[in-house]
C-alpha atoms as a PDB file:
ATOM      1  CA  MET A   1      -6.438 -23.621  -0.757  1.00  0.00           C
ATOM      2  CA  ILE A   2      -4.450 -24.766   2.750  1.00  0.00           C
ATOM      3  CA  THR A   3      -0.667 -25.437   1.408  1.00  0.00           C
ATOM      4  CA  GLN A   4       1.021 -25.232   4.575  1.00  0.00           C
ATOM      5  CA  ASP A   5      -0.680 -27.343   7.253  1.00  0.00           C
ATOM      6  CA  ASN A   6       1.294 -26.817  10.047  1.00  0.00           C
ATOM      7  CA  LYS A   7      -0.067 -27.601  13.499  1.00  0.00           C
ATOM      8  CA  ALA A   8       0.702 -25.461  16.613  1.00  0.00           C
ATOM      9  CA  GLY A   9       3.596 -27.459  17.778  1.00  0.00           C
ATOM     10  CA  PHE A  10       5.325 -25.958  14.716  1.00  0.00           C
ATOM     11  CA  TYR A  11       5.252 -22.821  15.815  1.00  0.00           C
ATOM     12  CA  ILE A  12       5.841 -23.364  19.414  1.00  0.00           C
ATOM     13  CA  ASP A  13       8.947 -24.893  18.329  1.00  0.00           C
ATOM     14  CA  LYS A  14       9.719 -21.841  16.183  1.00  0.00           C
ATOM     15  CA  LEU A  15       8.976 -19.687  19.786  1.00  0.00           C
ATOM     16  CA  TYR A  16      11.556 -21.760  21.845  1.00  0.00           C
ATOM     17  CA  ASN A  17      14.162 -21.780  19.431  1.00  0.00           C
ATOM     18  CA  LYS A  18      13.431 -18.229  19.161  1.00  0.00           C
ATOM     19  CA  GLU A  19      13.078 -17.798  16.280  1.00  0.00           C
ATOM     20  CA  HIS A  20      11.441 -14.842  14.135  1.00  0.00           C
ATOM     21  CA  PHE A  21       8.028 -14.988  12.296  1.00  0.00           C
ATOM     22  CA  SER A  22       4.865 -13.735  11.468  1.00  0.00           C
ATOM     23  CA  PHE A  23       1.101 -15.055  11.258  1.00  0.00           C
ATOM     24  CA  THR A  24      -1.485 -13.391  10.128  1.00  0.00           C
ATOM     25  CA  ARG A  25      -5.314 -15.219   9.805  1.00  0.00           C
ATOM     26  CA  TRP A  26      -7.637 -14.353   6.971  1.00  0.00           C
ATOM     27  CA  GLY A  27     -11.342 -14.860   8.221  1.00  0.00           C
ATOM     28  CA  ASP A  28     -14.890 -14.096   6.355  1.00  0.00           C
ATOM     29  CA  GLY A  29     -14.636 -10.616   7.885  1.00  0.00           C
ATOM     30  CA  GLU A  30     -11.085  -9.722   6.253  1.00  0.00           C
ATOM     31  CA  TRP A  31     -12.604 -11.631   2.836  1.00  0.00           C
ATOM     32  CA  LEU A  32     -15.592  -9.125   2.826  1.00  0.00           C
ATOM     33  CA  CYS A  33     -13.956  -5.841   3.763  1.00  0.00           C
ATOM     34  CA  ALA A  34     -11.515  -6.564   1.122  1.00  0.00           C
ATOM     35  CA  SER A  35     -13.819  -7.261  -1.516  1.00  0.00           C
ATOM     36  CA  GLY A  36     -15.253  -4.003  -1.148  1.00  0.00           C
ATOM     37  CA  GLN A  37     -18.154  -4.839   1.123  1.00  0.00           C
ATOM     38  CA  ARG A  38     -20.210  -2.722   3.112  1.00  0.00           C
ATOM     39  CA  GLY A  39     -21.264  -3.036   6.810  1.00  0.00           C
ATOM     40  CA  GLU A  40     -18.930  -5.112   9.699  1.00  0.00           C
ATOM     41  CA  ASN A  41     -18.072  -8.044  11.445  1.00  0.00           C
ATOM     42  CA  CYS A  42     -19.207  -9.864  13.745  1.00  0.00           C
ATOM     43  CA  ASP A  43     -17.611  -7.320  16.603  1.00  0.00           C
ATOM     44  CA  GLY A  44     -18.529  -4.665  14.989  1.00  0.00           C
ATOM     45  CA  HIS A  45     -15.571  -3.480  13.291  1.00  0.00           C
ATOM     46  CA  GLN A  46     -16.444  -1.343  10.277  1.00  0.00           C
ATOM     47  CA  TYR A  47     -15.479  -2.666   6.636  1.00  0.00           C
ATOM     48  CA  PHE A  48     -13.486   1.237   6.408  1.00  0.00           C
ATOM     49  CA  PRO A  49     -12.512   1.580   2.856  1.00  0.00           C
ATOM     50  CA  GLU A  50      -9.009   2.096   4.044  1.00  0.00           C
ATOM     51  CA  LEU A  51      -9.144  -0.579   5.461  1.00  0.00           C
ATOM     52  CA  GLY A  52      -9.781  -2.837   2.508  1.00  0.00           C
ATOM     53  CA  ASN A  53      -7.070  -0.979   0.711  1.00  0.00           C
ATOM     54  CA  GLY A  54      -4.860  -1.951   3.382  1.00  0.00           C
ATOM     55  CA  LEU A  55      -6.077  -5.572   3.492  1.00  0.00           C
ATOM     56  CA  ARG A  56      -5.839  -5.777  -0.496  1.00  0.00           C
ATOM     57  CA  ALA A  57      -2.151  -4.296   0.302  1.00  0.00           C
ATOM     58  CA  ALA A  58      -1.089  -7.267   2.269  1.00  0.00           C
ATOM     59  CA  LEU A  59      -2.462  -9.867  -0.492  1.00  0.00           C
ATOM     60  CA  ILE A  60      -0.795  -7.993  -2.904  1.00  0.00           C
ATOM     61  CA  ASN A  61       2.436  -7.437  -1.325  1.00  0.00           C
ATOM     62  CA  ASN A  62       2.771 -11.350  -0.187  1.00  0.00           C
ATOM     63  CA  LYS A  63       5.438 -10.326   1.652  1.00  0.00           C
ATOM     64  CA  PRO A  64       7.336 -13.698   3.425  1.00  0.00           C
ATOM     65  CA  TYR A  65       5.467 -14.551   6.476  1.00  0.00           C
ATOM     66  CA  TYR A  66       2.471 -16.753   7.264  1.00  0.00           C
ATOM     67  CA  LYS A  67      -1.018 -15.815   5.775  1.00  0.00           C
ATOM     68  CA  ALA A  68      -3.337 -18.275   7.080  1.00  0.00           C
ATOM     69  CA  ILE A  69      -6.855 -19.476   5.931  1.00  0.00           C
ATOM     70  CA  TRP A  70      -9.454 -21.529   7.176  1.00  0.00           C
ATOM     71  CA  PRO A  71      -9.990 -24.741   5.409  1.00  0.00           C
ATOM     72  CA  THR A  72     -12.552 -25.315   3.040  1.00  0.00           C
ATOM     73  CA  THR A  73     -14.847 -27.001   5.472  1.00  0.00           C
ATOM     74  CA  HIS A  74     -15.067 -24.315   7.430  1.00  0.00           C
ATOM     75  CA  LEU A  75     -19.001 -23.013   7.219  1.00  0.00           C
ATOM     76  CA  GLN A  76     -18.014 -19.312   6.812  1.00  0.00           C
ATOM     77  CA  ILE A  77     -14.936 -20.491   4.377  1.00  0.00           C
ATOM     78  CA  GLN A  78     -17.549 -22.419   2.396  1.00  0.00           C
ATOM     79  CA  LYS A  79     -20.071 -19.262   2.511  1.00  0.00           C
ATOM     80  CA  ASN A  80     -17.395 -17.001   1.010  1.00  0.00           C
ATOM     81  CA  LEU A  81     -15.643 -19.316  -1.206  1.00  0.00           C
ATOM     82  CA  SER A  82     -16.225 -17.725  -4.700  1.00  0.00           C
ATOM     83  CA  LEU A  83     -15.790 -13.880  -2.823  1.00  0.00           C
ATOM     84  CA  ILE A  84     -12.696 -15.809  -2.074  1.00  0.00           C
ATOM     85  CA  GLN A  85     -11.984 -16.735  -5.010  1.00  0.00           C
ATOM     86  CA  ARG A  86     -12.881 -13.982  -6.840  1.00  0.00           C
ATOM     87  CA  VAL A  87     -10.858 -11.565  -4.795  1.00  0.00           C
ATOM     88  CA  ILE A  88      -7.446 -13.716  -5.605  1.00  0.00           C
ATOM     89  CA  ASP A  89      -8.395 -13.769  -9.226  1.00  0.00           C
ATOM     90  CA  ASN A  90      -8.878 -10.336  -9.358  1.00  0.00           C
ATOM     91  CA  LEU A  91      -5.821  -9.005  -6.941  1.00  0.00           C
ATOM     92  CA  GLY A  92      -3.529 -11.616  -8.614  1.00  0.00           C
ATOM     93  CA  CYS A  93      -1.871 -13.030  -5.953  1.00  0.00           C
ATOM     94  CA  SER A  94      -0.309 -16.350  -5.707  1.00  0.00           C
ATOM     95  CA  ILE A  95      -0.548 -17.402  -1.708  1.00  0.00           C
ATOM     96  CA  LYS A  96       0.723 -20.599   0.176  1.00  0.00           C
ATOM     97  CA  TRP A  97      -2.207 -20.534   2.488  1.00  0.00           C
ATOM     98  CA  ALA A  98      -1.083 -21.962   6.414  1.00  0.00           C
ATOM     99  CA  ASN A  99      -3.898 -23.262   8.315  1.00  0.00           C
ATOM    100  CA  ALA A 100      -5.496 -20.459  10.242  1.00  0.00           C
ATOM    101  CA  ILE A 101      -7.028 -22.566  12.734  1.00  0.00           C
ATOM    102  CA  VAL A 102      -3.991 -23.962  14.102  1.00  0.00           C
ATOM    103  CA  TRP A 103      -4.534 -21.851  17.557  1.00  0.00           C
ATOM    104  CA  GLU A 104      -8.310 -23.052  18.574  1.00  0.00           C
ATOM    105  CA  ASP A 105      -7.711 -26.368  17.872  1.00  0.00           C
ATOM    106  CA  LEU A 106      -4.624 -26.224  20.302  1.00  0.00           C
ATOM    107  CA  VAL A 107      -7.042 -24.493  23.005  1.00  0.00           C
ATOM    108  CA  ILE A 108      -9.941 -27.276  22.245  1.00  0.00           C
ATOM    109  CA  ARG A 109      -7.345 -30.175  23.154  1.00  0.00           C
ATOM    110  CA  GLY A 110      -6.481 -28.713  26.139  1.00  0.00           C
ATOM    111  CA  GLY A 111      -2.977 -27.724  25.035  1.00  0.00           C
ATOM    112  CA  ILE A 112      -3.153 -23.774  25.948  1.00  0.00           C
ATOM    113  CA  ASP A 113      -0.594 -24.108  28.589  1.00  0.00           C
ATOM    114  CA  LYS A 114       2.084 -25.137  26.044  1.00  0.00           C
ATOM    115  CA  LEU A 115       1.392 -22.370  23.841  1.00  0.00           C
ATOM    116  CA  LYS A 116       1.409 -20.125  27.419  1.00  0.00           C
ATOM    117  CA  LYS A 117       4.791 -21.486  28.043  1.00  0.00           C
ATOM    118  CA  ALA A 118       6.567 -20.953  25.274  1.00  0.00           C
ATOM    119  CA  LEU A 119       5.533 -17.411  24.971  1.00  0.00           C
ATOM    120  CA  GLU A 120       6.464 -16.496  28.312  1.00  0.00           C
ATOM    121  CA  THR A 121      10.512 -17.528  27.451  1.00  0.00           C
ATOM    122  CA  ARG A 122      10.224 -14.764  25.072  1.00  0.00           C
ATOM    123  CA  ASN A 123       8.879 -10.782  25.526  1.00  0.00           C
ATOM    124  CA  PHE A 124       5.517 -11.293  25.360  1.00  0.00           C
ATOM    125  CA  VAL A 125       3.838  -7.993  24.347  1.00  0.00           C
ATOM    126  CA  ILE A 126      -0.696  -8.462  24.107  1.00  0.00           C
ATOM    127  CA  VAL A 127      -1.730  -6.290  21.207  1.00  0.00           C
ATOM    128  CA  SER A 128      -5.049  -5.685  22.228  1.00  0.00           C
ATOM    129  CA  ASN A 129      -8.146  -4.667  23.931  1.00  0.00           C
ATOM    130  CA  ALA A 130      -8.472  -3.676  27.797  1.00  0.00           C
ATOM    131  CA  PRO A 131      -9.742  -6.948  29.084  1.00  0.00           C
ATOM    132  CA  LYS A 132      -6.855  -8.829  28.341  1.00  0.00           C
ATOM    133  CA  ARG A 133      -4.878  -7.635  30.235  1.00  0.00           C
ATOM    134  CA  GLN A 134      -6.620 -10.043  32.816  1.00  0.00           C
ATOM    135  CA  LEU A 135      -4.953 -13.044  30.978  1.00  0.00           C
ATOM    136  CA  GLN A 136      -2.891 -15.539  33.382  1.00  0.00           C
ATOM    137  CA  ILE A 137       0.374 -14.874  31.451  1.00  0.00           C
ATOM    138  CA  LYS A 138       3.477 -13.113  31.574  1.00  0.00           C
ATOM    139  CA  TYR A 139       3.968 -10.249  29.784  1.00  0.00           C
ATOM    140  CA  VAL A 140       6.412  -7.526  29.798  1.00  0.00           C
ATOM    141  CA  ASP A 141       4.280  -4.767  27.740  1.00  0.00           C
ATOM    142  CA  PHE A 142       0.982  -4.201  26.887  1.00  0.00           C
ATOM    143  CA  ILE A 143      -1.005  -2.223  23.972  1.00  0.00           C
ATOM    144  CA  GLU A 144      -4.308  -1.307  24.342  1.00  0.00           C
ATOM    145  CA  VAL A 145      -6.548  -1.110  20.721  1.00  0.00           C
ATOM    146  CA  PRO A 146     -10.009   0.330  21.145  1.00  0.00           C
ATOM    147  CA  THR A 147     -12.790  -2.625  21.152  1.00  0.00           C
ATOM    148  CA  ILE A 148     -14.793  -1.261  18.568  1.00  0.00           C
ATOM    149  CA  ASN A 149     -13.436   0.208  15.641  1.00  0.00           C
ATOM    150  CA  CYS A 150      -9.682  -0.186  16.248  1.00  0.00           C
ATOM    151  CA  PHE A 151      -8.395   0.701  13.075  1.00  0.00           C
ATOM    152  CA  LEU A 152      -9.109   4.228  13.671  1.00  0.00           C
ATOM    153  CA  GLU A 153      -6.175   4.433  15.810  1.00  0.00           C
ATOM    154  CA  LYS A 154      -3.984   2.176  13.325  1.00  0.00           C
ATOM    155  CA  ASP A 155      -1.170   4.552  13.179  1.00  0.00           C
ATOM    156  CA  ARG A 156      -0.886   5.133  16.933  1.00  0.00           C
ATOM    157  CA  ILE A 157      -0.729   1.475  17.427  1.00  0.00           C
ATOM    158  CA  LYS A 158       2.203   0.916  14.887  1.00  0.00           C
ATOM    159  CA  SER A 159       3.658   3.633  16.713  1.00  0.00           C
ATOM    160  CA  GLU A 160       4.053   1.873  20.140  1.00  0.00           C
ATOM    161  CA  MET A 161       5.097  -1.196  18.335  1.00  0.00           C
ATOM    162  CA  ILE A 162       7.817   0.179  16.970  1.00  0.00           C
ATOM    163  CA  ASN A 163       8.460   2.295  20.355  1.00  0.00           C
ATOM    164  CA  VAL A 164       7.833  -1.701  21.725  1.00  0.00           C
ATOM    165  CA  SER A 165       9.929  -3.316  19.312  1.00  0.00           C
ATOM    166  CA  SER A 166      13.402  -1.089  20.001  1.00  0.00           C
ATOM    167  CA  LYS A 167      12.844  -1.066  24.523  1.00  0.00           C
ATOM    168  CA  TYR A 168      13.061  -4.860  24.618  1.00  0.00           C
ATOM    169  CA  GLU A 169      15.042  -7.569  22.588  1.00  0.00           C
ATOM    170  CA  ASP A 170      13.364 -11.152  21.350  1.00  0.00           C
ATOM    171  CA  VAL A 171       9.727  -9.503  21.174  1.00  0.00           C
ATOM    172  CA  VAL A 172       6.886 -11.180  20.526  1.00  0.00           C
ATOM    173  CA  PHE A 173       3.808  -8.834  19.907  1.00  0.00           C
ATOM    174  CA  GLY A 174       0.159 -11.452  19.763  1.00  0.00           C
ATOM    175  CA  LEU A 175      -2.029  -9.233  18.159  1.00  0.00           C
ATOM    176  CA  SER A 176      -5.966  -9.572  18.940  1.00  0.00           C
ATOM    177  CA  ALA A 177      -6.750  -6.773  16.832  1.00  0.00           C
ATOM    178  CA  SER A 178      -9.550  -7.717  14.137  1.00  0.00           C
ATOM    179  CA  MET A 179      -9.201  -7.326  11.078  1.00  0.00           C
ATOM    180  CA  MET A 180      -6.375  -4.489  11.084  1.00  0.00           C
ATOM    181  CA  THR A 181      -4.244  -6.856  12.833  1.00  0.00           C
ATOM    182  CA  ASN A 182      -3.286  -8.277   9.148  1.00  0.00           C
ATOM    183  CA  VAL A 183      -2.590  -4.357   7.874  1.00  0.00           C
ATOM    184  CA  ILE A 184      -0.094  -3.950  10.982  1.00  0.00           C
ATOM    185  CA  VAL A 185       1.973  -7.023  10.242  1.00  0.00           C
ATOM    186  CA  ASP A 186       2.149  -6.369   6.618  1.00  0.00           C
ATOM    187  CA  GLU A 187       3.016  -2.528   6.957  1.00  0.00           C
ATOM    188  CA  LEU A 188       5.374  -3.073   9.747  1.00  0.00           C
ATOM    189  CA  TYR A 189       6.889  -6.240   8.359  1.00  0.00           C
ATOM    190  CA  ASP A 190       9.803  -4.667   6.706  1.00  0.00           C
ATOM    191  CA  SER A 191      10.868  -2.490   9.451  1.00  0.00           C
ATOM    192  CA  ILE A 192      10.308  -5.064  12.664  1.00  0.00           C
ATOM    193  CA  GLY A 193       9.780  -8.597  11.772  1.00  0.00           C
ATOM    194  CA  SER A 194      13.160  -9.395  11.399  1.00  0.00           C
ATOM    195  CA  ASN A 195      13.734  -8.638  14.981  1.00  0.00           C
ATOM    196  CA  SER A 196      10.107  -9.209  15.778  1.00  0.00           C
ATOM    197  CA  THR A 197       7.039 -11.506  16.185  1.00  0.00           C
ATOM    198  CA  MET A 198       4.348 -10.872  15.534  1.00  0.00           C
ATOM    199  CA  ILE A 199       1.239 -13.545  15.462  1.00  0.00           C
ATOM    200  CA  ASP A 200      -2.381 -12.941  14.963  1.00  0.00           C
ATOM    201  CA  PHE A 201      -4.048 -14.873  17.381  1.00  0.00           C
ATOM    202  CA  GLY A 202      -7.383 -13.523  16.987  1.00  0.00           C
ATOM    203  CA  SER A 203     -10.411 -14.554  19.576  1.00  0.00           C
ATOM    204  CA  ILE A 204      -8.707 -17.738  21.474  1.00  0.00           C
ATOM    205  CA  TRP A 205      -8.201 -15.302  24.336  1.00  0.00           C
ATOM    206  CA  ASP A 206     -11.575 -14.380  24.844  1.00  0.00           C
ATOM    207  CA  VAL A 207     -12.626 -16.807  27.071  1.00  0.00           C
ATOM    208  CA  PHE A 208      -9.792 -16.389  29.436  1.00  0.00           C
ATOM    209  CA  VAL A 209     -11.232 -13.435  30.449  1.00  0.00           C
ATOM    210  CA  GLY A 210     -15.030 -14.348  30.733  1.00  0.00           C
ATOM    211  CA  ASN A 211     -15.773 -12.908  27.758  1.00  0.00           C
ATOM    212  CA  PRO A 212     -16.972 -15.893  25.327  1.00  0.00           C
ATOM    213  CA  THR A 213     -17.337 -14.564  21.863  1.00  0.00           C
ATOM    214  CA  ARG A 214     -17.637 -17.396  19.284  1.00  0.00           C
ATOM    215  CA  SER A 215     -19.286 -20.364  19.572  1.00  0.00           C
ATOM    216  CA  TYR A 216     -16.390 -22.731  19.194  1.00  0.00           C
ATOM    217  CA  HIS A 217     -15.767 -21.129  22.445  1.00  0.00           C
ATOM    218  CA  ARG A 218     -18.081 -23.686  24.208  1.00  0.00           C
ATOM    219  CA  GLU A 219     -15.391 -26.411  23.186  1.00  0.00           C
ATOM    220  CA  TYR A 220     -13.041 -24.087  25.852  1.00  0.00           C
ATOM    221  CA  LEU A 221     -15.279 -24.846  28.536  1.00  0.00           C
ATOM    222  CA  LYS A 222     -14.938 -28.529  28.628  1.00  0.00           C
ATOM    223  CA  THR A 223     -11.385 -28.810  28.479  1.00  0.00           C
ATOM    224  CA  CYS A 224      -9.662 -25.777  29.757  1.00  0.00           C
ATOM    225  CA  LEU A 225     -11.440 -23.957  32.654  1.00  0.00           C
END
């Protein structure tokens, strides 16, 4: 399924070169919501029907930014592979998938400082929940999202991102805003994607603010903390 197996260094070089690009990641929560499932993801964000509509639209639109998925060897992808294929087939979309696990791999290998240094060469803006304000990285602005059901504030967050993109030159948005991230990036790409970078970092920062939320965060503790 992965056809663009770029490593983290590929994107870090783009950051240093001041290239603009966008990158979203499609995990089990995004696919379950896009398929119309009810319930919530592992962080308690509900699968709102409107969120599912936005996720499906992002797949159908297939705008020219990186859409990333976990390798098929990943447990959650294996578990939902038939559902994922059904969503893709039903929507008739043909996407060149990038590798979603690049940021986790980088951090587990002890490369978080490489990413931080690259981000600090740009006007880095964090879009995430309040604890991320504690991150030990230089950022020029912070857009706060709710810890639970952040999709309910999507329009407000989009508006703030648009304002920030006009406030600073060469903005890099680091989004950790659950499934909503994929919808926001797709909806804003046409308006700010040419002069801003939007990167879905998922939960890689959680452990660095004392809030490990994933099993692989234990690997972080061996290499980073």
